[in-house]
């Protein structure tokens, strides 16, 4: 076997290996997504079960003010309530209380980044 044949054989083996690896990765991705969908259908999310249904228009006239920890400005409360409404709409219910989070090791921004980057498919 001369040098040209060895190079040709090496390139064929390399390309075949790359194709097989990527095809299997794609297959595993779809297999995991399918399994996740099956599990999600079997075990519905517990959070969605406890969300109250929309109240009639007559009951919506009274809007309770959320309990807010001292030192949090009204503008911040308004922004938080608007963000909750923008994310979940009327199905999220209402904001009942707002307080500062106390986390000894990580700030809220670090925790949000951690959760964003480790979220499953």
PDB file of N, CA and C in Angstrom:
ATOM      1  N   UNK A   1       0.852  -1.164   0.000  1.00  0.00           N
ATOM      2  CA  UNK A   1       0.000   0.000   0.000  1.00  0.00           C
ATOM      3  C   UNK A   1       0.906   1.237   0.000  1.00  0.00           C
ATOM      4  N   UNK A   2       0.750   2.085  -0.990  1.00  0.00           N
ATOM      5  CA  UNK A   2       1.615   3.263  -1.072  1.00  0.00           C
ATOM      6  C   UNK A   2       1.019   4.416  -0.262  1.00  0.00           C
ATOM      7  N   UNK A   3       1.723   5.528  -0.236  1.00  0.00           N
ATOM      8  CA  UNK A   3       1.348   6.680   0.590  1.00  0.00           C
ATOM      9  C   UNK A   3       0.008   7.277   0.170  1.00  0.00           C
ATOM     10  N   UNK A   4      -0.237   7.388  -1.151  1.00  0.00           N
ATOM     11  CA  UNK A   4      -1.501   7.962  -1.638  1.00  0.00           C
ATOM     12  C   UNK A   4      -2.709   7.127  -1.197  1.00  0.00           C
ATOM     13  N   UNK A   5      -2.560   5.823  -1.232  1.00  0.00           N
ATOM     14  CA  UNK A   5      -3.654   4.955  -0.804  1.00  0.00           C
ATOM     15  C   UNK A   5      -3.894   5.071   0.705  1.00  0.00           C
ATOM     16  N   UNK A   6      -2.814   5.237   1.482  1.00  0.00           N
ATOM     17  CA  UNK A   6      -2.957   5.400   2.931  1.00  0.00           C
ATOM     18  C   UNK A   6      -3.682   6.715   3.266  1.00  0.00           C
ATOM     19  N   UNK A   7      -3.341   7.781   2.559  1.00  0.00           N
ATOM     20  CA  UNK A   7      -3.994   9.065   2.775  1.00  0.00           C
ATOM     21  C   UNK A   7      -5.473   8.976   2.398  1.00  0.00           C
ATOM     22  N   UNK A   8      -5.746   8.341   1.262  1.00  0.00           N
ATOM     23  CA  UNK A   8      -7.126   8.197   0.811  1.00  0.00           C
ATOM     24  C   UNK A   8      -7.941   7.374   1.810  1.00  0.00           C
ATOM     25  N   UNK A   9      -7.388   6.292   2.303  1.00  0.00           N
ATOM     26  CA  UNK A   9      -8.070   5.458   3.287  1.00  0.00           C
ATOM     27  C   UNK A   9      -8.289   6.223   4.594  1.00  0.00           C
ATOM     28  N   UNK A  10      -7.304   7.012   5.018  1.00  0.00           N
ATOM     29  CA  UNK A  10      -7.436   7.803   6.245  1.00  0.00           C
ATOM     30  C   UNK A  10      -8.547   8.840   6.118  1.00  0.00           C
ATOM     31  N   UNK A  11      -8.648   9.500   4.980  1.00  0.00           N
ATOM     32  CA  UNK A  11      -9.693  10.502   4.763  1.00  0.00           C
ATOM     33  C   UNK A  11     -11.069   9.838   4.749  1.00  0.00           C
ATOM     34  N   UNK A  12     -11.180   8.674   4.130  1.00  0.00           N
ATOM     35  CA  UNK A  12     -12.457   7.955   4.099  1.00  0.00           C
ATOM     36  C   UNK A  12     -12.881   7.555   5.504  1.00  0.00           C
ATOM     37  N   UNK A  13     -11.944   7.029   6.303  1.00  0.00           N
ATOM     38  CA  UNK A  13     -12.261   6.634   7.676  1.00  0.00           C
ATOM     39  C   UNK A  13     -12.655   7.860   8.502  1.00  0.00           C
ATOM     40  N   UNK A  14     -11.931   8.968   8.341  1.00  0.00           N
ATOM     41  CA  UNK A  14     -12.232  10.195   9.076  1.00  0.00           C
ATOM     42  C   UNK A  14     -13.627  10.709   8.740  1.00  0.00           C
ATOM     43  N   UNK A  15     -13.955  10.818   7.468  1.00  0.00           N
ATOM     44  CA  UNK A  15     -15.263  11.326   7.064  1.00  0.00           C
ATOM     45  C   UNK A  15     -16.387  10.381   7.478  1.00  0.00           C
ATOM     46  N   UNK A  16     -16.166   9.091   7.359  1.00  0.00           N
ATOM     47  CA  UNK A  16     -17.183   8.125   7.790  1.00  0.00           C
ATOM     48  C   UNK A  16     -17.437   8.250   9.286  1.00  0.00           C
ATOM     49  N   UNK A  17     -16.384   8.387  10.075  1.00  0.00           N
ATOM     50  CA  UNK A  17     -16.534   8.544  11.521  1.00  0.00           C
ATOM     51  C   UNK A  17     -17.288   9.814  11.877  1.00  0.00           C
ATOM     52  N   UNK A  18     -16.960  10.930  11.228  1.00  0.00           N
ATOM     53  CA  UNK A  18     -17.655  12.193  11.500  1.00  0.00           C
ATOM     54  C   UNK A  18     -19.140  12.100  11.149  1.00  0.00           C
ATOM     55  N   UNK A  19     -19.447  11.513  10.009  1.00  0.00           N
ATOM     56  CA  UNK A  19     -20.846  11.385   9.596  1.00  0.00           C
ATOM     57  C   UNK A  19     -21.611  10.517  10.592  1.00  0.00           C
ATOM     58  N   UNK A  20     -21.039   9.400  10.996  1.00  0.00           N
ATOM     59  CA  UNK A  20     -21.722   8.505  11.940  1.00  0.00           C
ATOM     60  C   UNK A  20     -21.935   9.204  13.274  1.00  0.00           C
ATOM     61  N   UNK A  21     -20.939   9.910  13.771  1.00  0.00           N
ATOM     62  CA  UNK A  21     -21.063  10.598  15.058  1.00  0.00           C
ATOM     63  C   UNK A  21     -22.164  11.652  15.006  1.00  0.00           C
ATOM     64  N   UNK A  22     -22.202  12.483  13.979  1.00  0.00           N
ATOM     65  CA  UNK A  22     -23.205  13.533  13.910  1.00  0.00           C
ATOM     66  C   UNK A  22     -24.609  12.990  13.657  1.00  0.00           C
ATOM     67  N   UNK A  23     -24.723  11.927  12.880  1.00  0.00           N
ATOM     68  CA  UNK A  23     -26.039  11.308  12.681  1.00  0.00           C
ATOM     69  C   UNK A  23     -26.551  10.746  13.999  1.00  0.00           C
ATOM     70  N   UNK A  24     -25.694  10.112  14.770  1.00  0.00           N
ATOM     71  CA  UNK A  24     -26.115   9.571  16.065  1.00  0.00           C
ATOM     72  C   UNK A  24     -26.461  10.694  17.050  1.00  0.00           C
ATOM     73  N   UNK A  25     -25.733  11.799  17.027  1.00  0.00           N
ATOM     74  CA  UNK A  25     -26.070  12.928  17.905  1.00  0.00           C
ATOM     75  C   UNK A  25     -27.436  13.507  17.569  1.00  0.00           C
ATOM     76  N   UNK A  26     -27.722  13.643  16.299  1.00  0.00           N
ATOM     77  CA  UNK A  26     -29.033  14.141  15.882  1.00  0.00           C
ATOM     78  C   UNK A  26     -30.121  13.161  16.299  1.00  0.00           C
ATOM     79  N   UNK A  27     -29.878  11.873  16.103  1.00  0.00           N
ATOM     80  CA  UNK A  27     -30.843  10.850  16.506  1.00  0.00           C
ATOM     81  C   UNK A  27     -31.089  10.899  18.013  1.00  0.00           C
ATOM     82  N   UNK A  28     -30.043  11.006  18.811  1.00  0.00           N
ATOM     83  CA  UNK A  28     -30.196  11.068  20.266  1.00  0.00           C
ATOM     84  C   UNK A  28     -30.935  12.333  20.705  1.00  0.00           C
ATOM     85  N   UNK A  29     -30.688  13.443  20.028  1.00  0.00           N
ATOM     86  CA  UNK A  29     -31.398  14.686  20.348  1.00  0.00           C
ATOM     87  C   UNK A  29     -32.894  14.511  20.161  1.00  0.00           C
ATOM     88  N   UNK A  30     -33.308  13.952  19.031  1.00  0.00           N
ATOM     89  CA  UNK A  30     -34.726  13.740  18.790  1.00  0.00           C
ATOM     90  C   UNK A  30     -35.307  12.680  19.722  1.00  0.00           C
ATOM     91  N   UNK A  31     -34.534  11.672  20.061  1.00  0.00           N
ATOM     92  CA  UNK A  31     -34.993  10.651  20.997  1.00  0.00           C
ATOM     93  C   UNK A  31     -35.255  11.256  22.376  1.00  0.00           C
ATOM     94  N   UNK A  32     -34.358  12.108  22.849  1.00  0.00           N
ATOM     95  CA  UNK A  32     -34.513  12.743  24.160  1.00  0.00           C
ATOM     96  C   UNK A  32     -35.682  13.718  24.145  1.00  0.00           C
ATOM     97  N   UNK A  33     -35.839  14.495  23.077  1.00  0.00           N
ATOM     98  CA  UNK A  33     -36.981  15.412  22.982  1.00  0.00           C
ATOM     99  C   UNK A  33     -38.299  14.647  22.944  1.00  0.00           C
ATOM    100  N   UNK A  34     -38.345  13.547  22.237  1.00  0.00           N
ATOM    101  CA  UNK A  34     -39.554  12.723  22.203  1.00  0.00           C
ATOM    102  C   UNK A  34     -39.876  12.140  23.564  1.00  0.00           C
ATOM    103  N   UNK A  35     -38.859  11.649  24.248  1.00  0.00           N
ATOM    104  CA  UNK A  35     -39.054  11.108  25.595  1.00  0.00           C
ATOM    105  C   UNK A  35     -39.548  12.198  26.535  1.00  0.00           C
ATOM    106  N   UNK A  36     -38.993  13.398  26.425  1.00  0.00           N
ATOM    107  CA  UNK A  36     -39.421  14.515  27.261  1.00  0.00           C
ATOM    108  C   UNK A  36     -40.886  14.854  26.993  1.00  0.00           C
ATOM    109  N   UNK A  37     -41.304  14.843  25.741  1.00  0.00           N
ATOM    110  CA  UNK A  37     -42.701  15.137  25.408  1.00  0.00           C
ATOM    111  C   UNK A  37     -43.627  14.072  25.970  1.00  0.00           C
ATOM    112  N   UNK A  38     -43.219  12.815  25.916  1.00  0.00           N
ATOM    113  CA  UNK A  38     -44.034  11.734  26.458  1.00  0.00           C
ATOM    114  C   UNK A  38     -44.184  11.891  27.963  1.00  0.00           C
ATOM    115  N   UNK A  39     -43.087  12.160  28.658  1.00  0.00           N
ATOM    116  CA  UNK A  39     -43.132  12.327  30.113  1.00  0.00           C
ATOM    117  C   UNK A  39     -43.979  13.542  30.485  1.00  0.00           C
ATOM    118  N   UNK A  40     -43.869  14.629  29.724  1.00  0.00           N
ATOM    119  CA  UNK A  40     -44.649  15.834  29.992  1.00  0.00           C
ATOM    120  C   UNK A  40     -46.148  15.560  29.845  1.00  0.00           C
ATOM    121  N   UNK A  41     -46.520  14.708  28.895  1.00  0.00           N
ATOM    122  CA  UNK A  41     -47.931  14.363  28.720  1.00  0.00           C
ATOM    123  C   UNK A  41     -48.431  13.438  29.825  1.00  0.00           C
ATOM    124  N   UNK A  42     -47.571  12.551  30.304  1.00  0.00           N
ATOM    125  CA  UNK A  42     -47.969  11.625  31.366  1.00  0.00           C
ATOM    126  C   UNK A  42     -48.081  12.343  32.697  1.00  0.00           C
ATOM    127  N   UNK A  43     -47.102  13.197  33.013  1.00  0.00           N
ATOM    128  CA  UNK A  43     -47.074  13.944  34.276  1.00  0.00           C
ATOM    129  C   UNK A  43     -47.191  15.427  33.985  1.00  0.00           C
ATOM    130  N   UNK A  44     -48.409  15.969  33.937  1.00  0.00           N
ATOM    131  CA  UNK A  44     -48.537  17.408  33.662  1.00  0.00           C
ATOM    132  C   UNK A  44     -47.900  18.225  34.777  1.00  0.00           C
ATOM    133  N   UNK A  45     -47.519  19.432  34.429  1.00  0.00           N
ATOM    134  CA  UNK A  45     -46.833  20.316  35.359  1.00  0.00           C
ATOM    135  C   UNK A  45     -47.722  20.624  36.555  1.00  0.00           C
ATOM    136  N   UNK A  46     -47.175  20.478  37.752  1.00  0.00           N
ATOM    137  CA  UNK A  46     -47.945  20.713  38.968  1.00  0.00           C
ATOM    138  C   UNK A  46     -48.302  22.191  39.131  1.00  0.00           C
ATOM    139  N   UNK A  47     -47.515  23.090  38.592  1.00  0.00           N
ATOM    140  CA  UNK A  47     -47.776  24.519  38.742  1.00  0.00           C
ATOM    141  C   UNK A  47     -49.054  24.936  38.029  1.00  0.00           C
ATOM    142  N   UNK A  48     -49.340  24.305  36.898  1.00  0.00           N
ATOM    143  CA  UNK A  48     -50.513  24.710  36.133  1.00  0.00           C
ATOM    144  C   UNK A  48     -51.809  24.227  36.761  1.00  0.00           C
ATOM    145  N   UNK A  49     -51.753  23.236  37.642  1.00  0.00           N
ATOM    146  CA  UNK A  49     -52.966  22.733  38.274  1.00  0.00           C
ATOM    147  C   UNK A  49     -53.529  23.718  39.291  1.00  0.00           C
ATOM    148  N   UNK A  50     -52.665  24.463  39.981  1.00  0.00           N
ATOM    149  CA  UNK A  50     -53.098  25.320  41.071  1.00  0.00           C
ATOM    150  C   UNK A  50     -53.389  26.753  40.648  1.00  0.00           C
ATOM    151  N   UNK A  51     -53.301  27.065  39.379  1.00  0.00           N
ATOM    152  CA  UNK A  51     -53.570  28.430  38.922  1.00  0.00           C
ATOM    153  C   UNK A  51     -55.075  28.648  38.914  1.00  0.00           C
ATOM    154  N   UNK A  52     -55.552  29.694  39.588  1.00  0.00           N
ATOM    155  CA  UNK A  52     -56.998  29.923  39.630  1.00  0.00           C
ATOM    156  C   UNK A  52     -57.533  30.340  38.270  1.00  0.00           C
ATOM    157  N   UNK A  53     -58.778  29.983  38.026  1.00  0.00           N
ATOM    158  CA  UNK A  53     -59.441  30.369  36.779  1.00  0.00           C
ATOM    159  C   UNK A  53     -59.771  31.855  36.813  1.00  0.00           C
ATOM    160  N   UNK A  54     -59.982  32.434  35.654  1.00  0.00           N
ATOM    161  CA  UNK A  54     -60.302  33.860  35.575  1.00  0.00           C
ATOM    162  C   UNK A  54     -61.639  34.131  36.272  1.00  0.00           C
ATOM    163  N   UNK A  55     -61.669  35.185  37.054  1.00  0.00           N
ATOM    164  CA  UNK A  55     -62.880  35.540  37.790  1.00  0.00           C
ATOM    165  C   UNK A  55     -63.826  36.320  36.887  1.00  0.00           C
ATOM    166  N   UNK A  56     -65.117  36.297  37.185  1.00  0.00           N
ATOM    167  CA  UNK A  56     -66.067  37.108  36.411  1.00  0.00           C
ATOM    168  C   UNK A  56     -65.745  38.594  36.541  1.00  0.00           C
ATOM    169  N   UNK A  57     -66.286  39.396  35.638  1.00  0.00           N
ATOM    170  CA  UNK A  57     -65.983  40.830  35.595  1.00  0.00           C
ATOM    171  C   UNK A  57     -66.420  41.545  36.869  1.00  0.00           C
ATOM    172  N   UNK A  58     -67.514  41.104  37.483  1.00  0.00           N
ATOM    173  CA  UNK A  58     -68.000  41.766  38.695  1.00  0.00           C
ATOM    174  C   UNK A  58     -67.015  41.604  39.853  1.00  0.00           C
ATOM    175  N   UNK A  59     -66.313  40.472  39.912  1.00  0.00           N
ATOM    176  CA  UNK A  59     -65.375  40.229  40.996  1.00  0.00           C
ATOM    177  C   UNK A  59     -64.028  40.893  40.749  1.00  0.00           C
ATOM    178  N   UNK A  60     -63.721  41.284  39.552  1.00  0.00           N
ATOM    179  CA  UNK A  60     -62.433  41.888  39.240  1.00  0.00           C
ATOM    180  C   UNK A  60     -62.353  43.355  39.642  1.00  0.00           C
ATOM    181  N   UNK A  61     -63.442  43.951  40.080  1.00  0.00           N
ATOM    182  CA  UNK A  61     -63.440  45.363  40.429  1.00  0.00           C
ATOM    183  C   UNK A  61     -62.534  45.634  41.624  1.00  0.00           C
ATOM    184  N   UNK A  62     -62.460  44.711  42.585  1.00  0.00           N
ATOM    185  CA  UNK A  62     -61.625  44.886  43.767  1.00  0.00           C
ATOM    186  C   UNK A  62     -60.248  44.316  43.471  1.00  0.00           C
ATOM    187  N   UNK A  63     -59.220  45.155  43.489  1.00  0.00           N
ATOM    188  CA  UNK A  63     -57.855  44.717  43.239  1.00  0.00           C
ATOM    189  C   UNK A  63     -57.044  44.944  44.507  1.00  0.00           C
ATOM    190  N   UNK A  64     -56.672  43.869  45.206  1.00  0.00           N
ATOM    191  CA  UNK A  64     -55.901  44.055  46.430  1.00  0.00           C
ATOM    192  C   UNK A  64     -54.481  44.523  46.113  1.00  0.00           C
ATOM    193  N   UNK A  65     -53.943  45.330  46.980  1.00  0.00           N
ATOM    194  CA  UNK A  65     -52.584  45.837  46.820  1.00  0.00           C
ATOM    195  C   UNK A  65     -51.627  44.789  47.371  1.00  0.00           C
ATOM    196  N   UNK A  66     -50.575  44.442  46.628  1.00  0.00           N
ATOM    197  CA  UNK A  66     -49.646  43.438  47.137  1.00  0.00           C
ATOM    198  C   UNK A  66     -48.887  43.945  48.360  1.00  0.00           C
ATOM    199  N   UNK A  67     -48.546  43.022  49.248  1.00  0.00           N
ATOM    200  CA  UNK A  67     -47.745  43.432  50.404  1.00  0.00           C
ATOM    201  C   UNK A  67     -46.305  43.599  49.935  1.00  0.00           C
ATOM    202  N   UNK A  68     -45.751  44.754  50.214  1.00  0.00           N
ATOM    203  CA  UNK A  68     -44.424  45.103  49.728  1.00  0.00           C
ATOM    204  C   UNK A  68     -43.517  45.365  50.918  1.00  0.00           C
ATOM    205  N   UNK A  69     -42.323  44.810  50.861  1.00  0.00           N
ATOM    206  CA  UNK A  69     -41.333  45.039  51.910  1.00  0.00           C
ATOM    207  C   UNK A  69     -40.929  46.514  51.926  1.00  0.00           C
ATOM    208  N   UNK A  70     -40.652  47.022  53.088  1.00  0.00           N
ATOM    209  CA  UNK A  70     -40.253  48.431  53.211  1.00  0.00           C
ATOM    210  C   UNK A  70     -38.963  48.685  52.441  1.00  0.00           C
ATOM    211  N   UNK A  71     -38.911  49.826  51.771  1.00  0.00           N
ATOM    212  CA  UNK A  71     -37.710  50.195  51.034  1.00  0.00           C
ATOM    213  C   UNK A  71     -37.780  49.887  49.544  1.00  0.00           C
ATOM    214  N   UNK A  72     -38.817  49.232  49.072  1.00  0.00           N
ATOM    215  CA  UNK A  72     -38.968  48.939  47.648  1.00  0.00           C
ATOM    216  C   UNK A  72     -39.872  50.015  47.050  1.00  0.00           C
ATOM    217  N   UNK A  73     -39.370  50.776  46.061  1.00  0.00           N
ATOM    218  CA  UNK A  73     -40.166  51.874  45.487  1.00  0.00           C
ATOM    219  C   UNK A  73     -41.397  51.367  44.730  1.00  0.00           C
ATOM    220  N   UNK A  74     -42.400  52.233  44.612  1.00  0.00           N
ATOM    221  CA  UNK A  74     -43.624  51.880  43.906  1.00  0.00           C
ATOM    222  C   UNK A  74     -43.365  51.574  42.433  1.00  0.00           C
ATOM    223  N   UNK A  75     -42.392  52.276  41.853  1.00  0.00           N
ATOM    224  CA  UNK A  75     -42.061  52.033  40.444  1.00  0.00           C
ATOM    225  C   UNK A  75     -41.566  50.608  40.246  1.00  0.00           C
ATOM    226  N   UNK A  76     -40.779  50.111  41.204  1.00  0.00           N
ATOM    227  CA  UNK A  76     -40.266  48.751  41.115  1.00  0.00           C
ATOM    228  C   UNK A  76     -41.406  47.740  41.201  1.00  0.00           C
ATOM    229  N   UNK A  77     -42.359  48.001  42.080  1.00  0.00           N
ATOM    230  CA  UNK A  77     -43.525  47.116  42.202  1.00  0.00           C
ATOM    231  C   UNK A  77     -44.308  47.108  40.892  1.00  0.00           C
ATOM    232  N   UNK A  78     -44.476  48.269  40.285  1.00  0.00           N
ATOM    233  CA  UNK A  78     -45.207  48.353  39.019  1.00  0.00           C
ATOM    234  C   UNK A  78     -44.479  47.593  37.914  1.00  0.00           C
ATOM    235  N   UNK A  79     -43.163  47.694  37.877  1.00  0.00           N
ATOM    236  CA  UNK A  79     -42.381  47.001  36.849  1.00  0.00           C
ATOM    237  C   UNK A  79     -42.459  45.494  37.051  1.00  0.00           C
ATOM    238  N   UNK A  80     -42.381  45.036  38.289  1.00  0.00           N
ATOM    239  CA  UNK A  80     -42.465  43.600  38.559  1.00  0.00           C
ATOM    240  C   UNK A  80     -43.838  43.061  38.158  1.00  0.00           C
ATOM    241  N   UNK A  81     -44.899  43.782  38.530  1.00  0.00           N
ATOM    242  CA  UNK A  81     -46.244  43.345  38.167  1.00  0.00           C
ATOM    243  C   UNK A  81     -46.428  43.335  36.646  1.00  0.00           C
ATOM    244  N   UNK A  82     -45.887  44.336  35.956  1.00  0.00           N
ATOM    245  CA  UNK A  82     -45.989  44.382  34.494  1.00  0.00           C
ATOM    246  C   UNK A  82     -45.217  43.236  33.849  1.00  0.00           C
ATOM    247  N   UNK A  83     -44.055  42.904  34.409  1.00  0.00           N
ATOM    248  CA  UNK A  83     -43.263  41.795  33.867  1.00  0.00           C
ATOM    249  C   UNK A  83     -43.985  40.456  34.052  1.00  0.00           C
ATOM    250  N   UNK A  84     -44.611  40.266  35.203  1.00  0.00           N
ATOM    251  CA  UNK A  84     -45.368  39.037  35.443  1.00  0.00           C
ATOM    252  C   UNK A  84     -46.536  38.952  34.463  1.00  0.00           C
ATOM    253  N   UNK A  85     -47.246  40.065  34.271  1.00  0.00           N
ATOM    254  CA  UNK A  85     -48.362  40.078  33.331  1.00  0.00           C
ATOM    255  C   UNK A  85     -47.881  39.824  31.905  1.00  0.00           C
ATOM    256  N   UNK A  86     -46.731  40.406  31.531  1.00  0.00           N
ATOM    257  CA  UNK A  86     -46.209  40.223  30.176  1.00  0.00           C
ATOM    258  C   UNK A  86     -45.801  38.770  29.937  1.00  0.00           C
ATOM    259  N   UNK A  87     -45.258  38.116  30.961  1.00  0.00           N
ATOM    260  CA  UNK A  87     -44.815  36.731  30.804  1.00  0.00           C
ATOM    261  C   UNK A  87     -45.982  35.745  30.807  1.00  0.00           C
ATOM    262  N   UNK A  88     -46.918  35.913  31.734  1.00  0.00           N
ATOM    263  CA  UNK A  88     -47.941  34.897  31.955  1.00  0.00           C
ATOM    264  C   UNK A  88     -49.347  35.352  31.601  1.00  0.00           C
ATOM    265  N   UNK A  89     -49.566  36.620  31.395  1.00  0.00           N
ATOM    266  CA  UNK A  89     -50.900  37.112  31.081  1.00  0.00           C
ATOM    267  C   UNK A  89     -51.811  37.017  32.291  1.00  0.00           C
ATOM    268  N   UNK A  90     -53.090  36.898  32.033  1.00  0.00           N
ATOM    269  CA  UNK A  90     -54.048  36.848  33.143  1.00  0.00           C
ATOM    270  C   UNK A  90     -54.079  35.487  33.812  1.00  0.00           C
ATOM    271  N   UNK A  91     -53.478  34.471  33.198  1.00  0.00           N
ATOM    272  CA  UNK A  91     -53.531  33.128  33.772  1.00  0.00           C
ATOM    273  C   UNK A  91     -52.635  32.984  35.005  1.00  0.00           C
ATOM    274  N   UNK A  92     -51.743  33.941  35.248  1.00  0.00           N
ATOM    275  CA  UNK A  92     -50.829  33.830  36.384  1.00  0.00           C
ATOM    276  C   UNK A  92     -51.472  34.239  37.692  1.00  0.00           C
ATOM    277  N   UNK A  93     -52.667  34.763  37.668  1.00  0.00           N
ATOM    278  CA  UNK A  93     -53.301  35.216  38.903  1.00  0.00           C
ATOM    279  C   UNK A  93     -52.857  36.625  39.206  1.00  0.00           C
ATOM    280  N   UNK A  94     -52.401  36.871  40.439  1.00  0.00           N
ATOM    281  CA  UNK A  94     -52.003  38.222  40.825  1.00  0.00           C
ATOM    282  C   UNK A  94     -50.740  38.157  41.673  1.00  0.00           C
ATOM    283  N   UNK A  95     -50.030  39.264  41.727  1.00  0.00           N
ATOM    284  CA  UNK A  95     -48.847  39.375  42.564  1.00  0.00           C
ATOM    285  C   UNK A  95     -49.334  39.624  43.988  1.00  0.00           C
ATOM    286  N   UNK A  96     -48.965  38.730  44.908  1.00  0.00           N
ATOM    287  CA  UNK A  96     -49.464  38.851  46.275  1.00  0.00           C
ATOM    288  C   UNK A  96     -48.470  39.537  47.200  1.00  0.00           C
ATOM    289  N   UNK A  97     -47.184  39.322  46.971  1.00  0.00           N
ATOM    290  CA  UNK A  97     -46.198  39.987  47.825  1.00  0.00           C
ATOM    291  C   UNK A  97     -44.896  40.149  47.064  1.00  0.00           C
ATOM    292  N   UNK A  98     -44.151  41.160  47.450  1.00  0.00           N
ATOM    293  CA  UNK A  98     -42.843  41.422  46.865  1.00  0.00           C
ATOM    294  C   UNK A  98     -41.888  41.684  48.015  1.00  0.00           C
ATOM    295  N   UNK A  99     -40.783  40.932  48.027  1.00  0.00           N
ATOM    296  CA  UNK A  99     -39.776  41.134  49.064  1.00  0.00           C
ATOM    297  C   UNK A  99     -38.400  40.894  48.456  1.00  0.00           C
ATOM    298  N   UNK A 100     -37.394  41.408  49.101  1.00  0.00           N
ATOM    299  CA  UNK A 100     -36.033  41.240  48.615  1.00  0.00           C
ATOM    300  C   UNK A 100     -35.567  39.811  48.858  1.00  0.00           C
ATOM    301  N   UNK A 101     -34.870  39.257  47.884  1.00  0.00           N
ATOM    302  CA  UNK A 101     -34.327  37.910  48.026  1.00  0.00           C
ATOM    303  C   UNK A 101     -32.990  37.990  48.761  1.00  0.00           C
ATOM    304  N   UNK A 102     -32.825  37.097  49.691  1.00  0.00           N
ATOM    305  CA  UNK A 102     -31.570  37.034  50.448  1.00  0.00           C
ATOM    306  C   UNK A 102     -30.908  35.713  50.110  1.00  0.00           C
ATOM    307  N   UNK A 103     -29.807  35.798  49.365  1.00  0.00           N
ATOM    308  CA  UNK A 103     -29.058  34.603  48.999  1.00  0.00           C
ATOM    309  C   UNK A 103     -27.619  34.810  49.438  1.00  0.00           C
ATOM    310  N   UNK A 104     -27.138  33.988  50.355  1.00  0.00           N
ATOM    311  CA  UNK A 104     -25.813  34.226  50.914  1.00  0.00           C
ATOM    312  C   UNK A 104     -24.675  34.080  49.905  1.00  0.00           C
ATOM    313  N   UNK A 105     -24.775  33.171  48.948  1.00  0.00           N
ATOM    314  CA  UNK A 105     -23.641  32.904  48.073  1.00  0.00           C
ATOM    315  C   UNK A 105     -23.683  33.575  46.723  1.00  0.00           C
ATOM    316  N   UNK A 106     -24.863  33.717  46.151  1.00  0.00           N
ATOM    317  CA  UNK A 106     -24.977  34.222  44.781  1.00  0.00           C
ATOM    318  C   UNK A 106     -25.964  35.374  44.723  1.00  0.00           C
ATOM    319  N   UNK A 107     -25.663  36.322  43.838  1.00  0.00           N
ATOM    320  CA  UNK A 107     -26.605  37.419  43.630  1.00  0.00           C
ATOM    321  C   UNK A 107     -27.738  36.925  42.730  1.00  0.00           C
ATOM    322  N   UNK A 108     -28.778  37.706  42.626  1.00  0.00           N
ATOM    323  CA  UNK A 108     -29.919  37.329  41.794  1.00  0.00           C
ATOM    324  C   UNK A 108     -29.522  37.230  40.328  1.00  0.00           C
ATOM    325  N   UNK A 109     -28.615  38.092  39.879  1.00  0.00           N
ATOM    326  CA  UNK A 109     -28.174  38.058  38.483  1.00  0.00           C
ATOM    327  C   UNK A 109     -27.370  36.801  38.193  1.00  0.00           C
ATOM    328  N   UNK A 110     -26.512  36.402  39.121  1.00  0.00           N
ATOM    329  CA  UNK A 110     -25.745  35.170  38.924  1.00  0.00           C
ATOM    330  C   UNK A 110     -26.670  33.966  38.886  1.00  0.00           C
ATOM    331  N   UNK A 111     -27.665  33.939  39.764  1.00  0.00           N
ATOM    332  CA  UNK A 111     -28.602  32.828  39.807  1.00  0.00           C
ATOM    333  C   UNK A 111     -29.434  32.766  38.532  1.00  0.00           C
ATOM    334  N   UNK A 112     -29.854  33.931  38.011  1.00  0.00           N
ATOM    335  CA  UNK A 112     -30.621  33.965  36.761  1.00  0.00           C
ATOM    336  C   UNK A 112     -29.772  33.444  35.603  1.00  0.00           C
ATOM    337  N   UNK A 113     -28.505  33.828  35.554  1.00  0.00           N
ATOM    338  CA  UNK A 113     -27.610  33.323  34.513  1.00  0.00           C
ATOM    339  C   UNK A 113     -27.396  31.834  34.625  1.00  0.00           C
ATOM    340  N   UNK A 114     -27.247  31.341  35.836  1.00  0.00           N
ATOM    341  CA  UNK A 114     -27.067  29.912  36.058  1.00  0.00           C
ATOM    342  C   UNK A 114     -28.292  29.136  35.604  1.00  0.00           C
ATOM    343  N   UNK A 115     -29.469  29.617  35.967  1.00  0.00           N
ATOM    344  CA  UNK A 115     -30.688  28.927  35.559  1.00  0.00           C
ATOM    345  C   UNK A 115     -30.899  28.987  34.055  1.00  0.00           C
ATOM    346  N   UNK A 116     -30.548  30.116  33.436  1.00  0.00           N
ATOM    347  CA  UNK A 116     -30.705  30.259  31.986  1.00  0.00           C
ATOM    348  C   UNK A 116     -29.777  29.308  31.238  1.00  0.00           C
ATOM    349  N   UNK A 117     -28.564  29.136  31.722  1.00  0.00           N
ATOM    350  CA  UNK A 117     -27.581  28.321  31.003  1.00  0.00           C
ATOM    351  C   UNK A 117     -27.660  26.844  31.325  1.00  0.00           C
ATOM    352  N   UNK A 118     -28.422  26.455  32.337  1.00  0.00           N
ATOM    353  CA  UNK A 118     -28.544  25.041  32.669  1.00  0.00           C
ATOM    354  C   UNK A 118     -29.956  24.532  32.471  1.00  0.00           C
ATOM    355  N   UNK A 119     -30.784  25.289  31.767  1.00  0.00           N
ATOM    356  CA  UNK A 119     -32.169  24.879  31.501  1.00  0.00           C
ATOM    357  C   UNK A 119     -32.170  23.707  30.536  1.00  0.00           C
ATOM    358  N   UNK A 120     -33.025  22.681  30.767  1.00  0.00           N
ATOM    359  CA  UNK A 120     -33.069  21.550  29.839  1.00  0.00           C
ATOM    360  C   UNK A 120     -33.701  21.953  28.515  1.00  0.00           C
ATOM    361  N   UNK A 121     -33.608  21.072  27.546  1.00  0.00           N
ATOM    362  CA  UNK A 121     -34.154  21.338  26.221  1.00  0.00           C
ATOM    363  C   UNK A 121     -35.572  21.713  26.380  1.00  0.00           C
TER     364      UNK A 121
END
